[in-house]
Amino acid sequence: MNYIIFIGLIAGALTTISLLPQIIKTLKLKETRDISLLWCITIFTGIFLWVIYGLLINDAPLIVSNSISLILVSILLCLKLKFG
């Protein structure tokens, strides 16, 4: 594996899993008061655009990591709308 792709995959994995603690906390407490709806919408839009960009340039690390991030942010956004 090319070391550049490896670095991209590691970076994507770390930024993707950074969303998990917030999702777990939200599910546990059923509370989203401290999460900004504007932040959720902004990060969702940004990650969606990263997925599109990754598809356009055919970059696997961008596509994979941001697709997973998009799913996680979508979960967090749904939780915000449900509990917020």
C-alpha atoms as a PDB file:
ATOM      1  CA  MET A   1       0.000   0.000   0.000  1.00  0.00           C
ATOM      2  CA  ASN A   2       1.252   3.433  -0.903  1.00  0.00           C
ATOM      3  CA  TYR A   3       2.260   5.356   2.247  1.00  0.00           C
ATOM      4  CA  ILE A   4       0.293   8.420   1.104  1.00  0.00           C
ATOM      5  CA  ILE A   5      -2.919   6.384   0.911  1.00  0.00           C
ATOM      6  CA  PHE A   6      -2.079   4.838   4.299  1.00  0.00           C
ATOM      7  CA  ILE A   7      -1.700   8.304   5.868  1.00  0.00           C
ATOM      8  CA  GLY A   8      -5.018   9.342   4.317  1.00  0.00           C
ATOM      9  CA  LEU A   9      -6.768   6.258   5.670  1.00  0.00           C
ATOM     10  CA  ILE A  10      -5.371   6.780   9.185  1.00  0.00           C
ATOM     11  CA  ALA A  11      -6.328  10.475   9.158  1.00  0.00           C
ATOM     12  CA  GLY A  12      -9.813   9.605   7.921  1.00  0.00           C
ATOM     13  CA  ALA A  13     -10.243   6.898  10.544  1.00  0.00           C
ATOM     14  CA  LEU A  14      -9.222   9.217  13.381  1.00  0.00           C
ATOM     15  CA  THR A  15     -11.479  12.066  12.327  1.00  0.00           C
ATOM     16  CA  THR A  16     -14.345   9.651  11.702  1.00  0.00           C
ATOM     17  CA  ILE A  17     -14.159   7.936  15.088  1.00  0.00           C
ATOM     18  CA  SER A  18     -13.983  11.334  16.780  1.00  0.00           C
ATOM     19  CA  LEU A  19     -17.765  11.541  16.298  1.00  0.00           C
ATOM     20  CA  LEU A  20     -18.460   8.326  18.222  1.00  0.00           C
ATOM     21  CA  PRO A  21     -18.046   9.680  21.775  1.00  0.00           C
ATOM     22  CA  GLN A  22     -20.646  12.392  21.102  1.00  0.00           C
ATOM     23  CA  ILE A  23     -23.098   9.915  19.596  1.00  0.00           C
ATOM     24  CA  ILE A  24     -22.641   7.503  22.521  1.00  0.00           C
ATOM     25  CA  LYS A  25     -23.091  10.310  25.055  1.00  0.00           C
ATOM     26  CA  THR A  26     -26.204  11.555  23.274  1.00  0.00           C
ATOM     27  CA  LEU A  27     -27.737   8.078  23.148  1.00  0.00           C
ATOM     28  CA  LYS A  28     -26.934   7.503  26.802  1.00  0.00           C
ATOM     29  CA  LEU A  29     -28.235  10.843  28.115  1.00  0.00           C
ATOM     30  CA  LYS A  30     -30.894  11.514  25.448  1.00  0.00           C
ATOM     31  CA  GLU A  31     -29.792  15.134  25.633  1.00  0.00           C
ATOM     32  CA  THR A  32     -28.507  17.390  22.839  1.00  0.00           C
ATOM     33  CA  ARG A  33     -28.756  20.799  24.466  1.00  0.00           C
ATOM     34  CA  ASP A  34     -24.988  21.360  24.158  1.00  0.00           C
ATOM     35  CA  ILE A  35     -24.877  20.457  20.457  1.00  0.00           C
ATOM     36  CA  SER A  36     -25.439  23.302  18.029  1.00  0.00           C
ATOM     37  CA  LEU A  37     -27.961  22.587  15.254  1.00  0.00           C
ATOM     38  CA  LEU A  38     -26.073  25.021  13.006  1.00  0.00           C
ATOM     39  CA  TRP A  39     -22.861  23.062  13.659  1.00  0.00           C
ATOM     40  CA  CYS A  40     -24.598  19.787  12.771  1.00  0.00           C
ATOM     41  CA  ILE A  41     -25.944  21.196   9.513  1.00  0.00           C
ATOM     42  CA  THR A  42     -22.623  22.831   8.619  1.00  0.00           C
ATOM     43  CA  ILE A  43     -20.528  19.722   9.310  1.00  0.00           C
ATOM     44  CA  PHE A  44     -23.042  17.537   7.456  1.00  0.00           C
ATOM     45  CA  THR A  45     -22.826  19.808   4.409  1.00  0.00           C
ATOM     46  CA  GLY A  46     -19.027  19.967   4.528  1.00  0.00           C
ATOM     47  CA  ILE A  47     -18.636  16.198   4.809  1.00  0.00           C
ATOM     48  CA  PHE A  48     -21.169  15.652   2.029  1.00  0.00           C
ATOM     49  CA  LEU A  49     -19.101  17.920  -0.210  1.00  0.00           C
ATOM     50  CA  TRP A  50     -15.909  16.002   0.740  1.00  0.00           C
ATOM     51  CA  VAL A  51     -17.619  12.786  -0.402  1.00  0.00           C
ATOM     52  CA  ILE A  52     -18.570  14.421  -3.713  1.00  0.00           C
ATOM     53  CA  TYR A  53     -15.028  15.765  -4.122  1.00  0.00           C
ATOM     54  CA  GLY A  54     -13.549  12.337  -3.329  1.00  0.00           C
ATOM     55  CA  LEU A  55     -15.795  10.750  -5.953  1.00  0.00           C
ATOM     56  CA  LEU A  56     -14.834  13.364  -8.542  1.00  0.00           C
ATOM     57  CA  ILE A  57     -11.106  12.811  -8.044  1.00  0.00           C
ATOM     58  CA  ASN A  58     -11.506   9.074  -7.336  1.00  0.00           C
ATOM     59  CA  ASP A  59      -9.732   9.222  -3.959  1.00  0.00           C
ATOM     60  CA  ALA A  60     -10.512   6.122  -1.883  1.00  0.00           C
ATOM     61  CA  PRO A  61      -9.442   7.493   1.541  1.00  0.00           C
ATOM     62  CA  LEU A  62     -11.629  10.586   1.071  1.00  0.00           C
ATOM     63  CA  ILE A  63     -14.596   8.577  -0.140  1.00  0.00           C
ATOM     64  CA  VAL A  64     -14.458   5.880   2.533  1.00  0.00           C
ATOM     65  CA  SER A  65     -13.712   8.016   5.578  1.00  0.00           C
ATOM     66  CA  ASN A  66     -16.115  10.794   4.680  1.00  0.00           C
ATOM     67  CA  SER A  67     -18.917   8.391   3.749  1.00  0.00           C
ATOM     68  CA  ILE A  68     -18.663   6.835   7.204  1.00  0.00           C
ATOM     69  CA  SER A  69     -18.421  10.303   8.769  1.00  0.00           C
ATOM     70  CA  LEU A  70     -21.511  11.352   6.831  1.00  0.00           C
ATOM     71  CA  ILE A  71     -23.443   8.427   8.286  1.00  0.00           C
ATOM     72  CA  LEU A  72     -22.284   9.268  11.813  1.00  0.00           C
ATOM     73  CA  VAL A  73     -23.086  12.964  11.452  1.00  0.00           C
ATOM     74  CA  SER A  74     -26.485  12.035  10.033  1.00  0.00           C
ATOM     75  CA  ILE A  75     -27.130   9.962  13.163  1.00  0.00           C
ATOM     76  CA  LEU A  76     -26.064  12.867  15.361  1.00  0.00           C
ATOM     77  CA  LEU A  77     -28.246  15.291  13.389  1.00  0.00           C
ATOM     78  CA  CYS A  78     -31.253  12.968  13.748  1.00  0.00           C
ATOM     79  CA  LEU A  79     -30.588  12.693  17.477  1.00  0.00           C
ATOM     80  CA  LYS A  80     -30.354  16.479  17.710  1.00  0.00           C
ATOM     81  CA  LEU A  81     -33.698  16.851  15.963  1.00  0.00           C
ATOM     82  CA  LYS A  82     -35.266  14.134  18.142  1.00  0.00           C
ATOM     83  CA  PHE A  83     -33.942  15.205  21.546  1.00  0.00           C
ATOM     84  CA  GLY A  84     -33.029  18.821  20.930  1.00  0.00           C
END
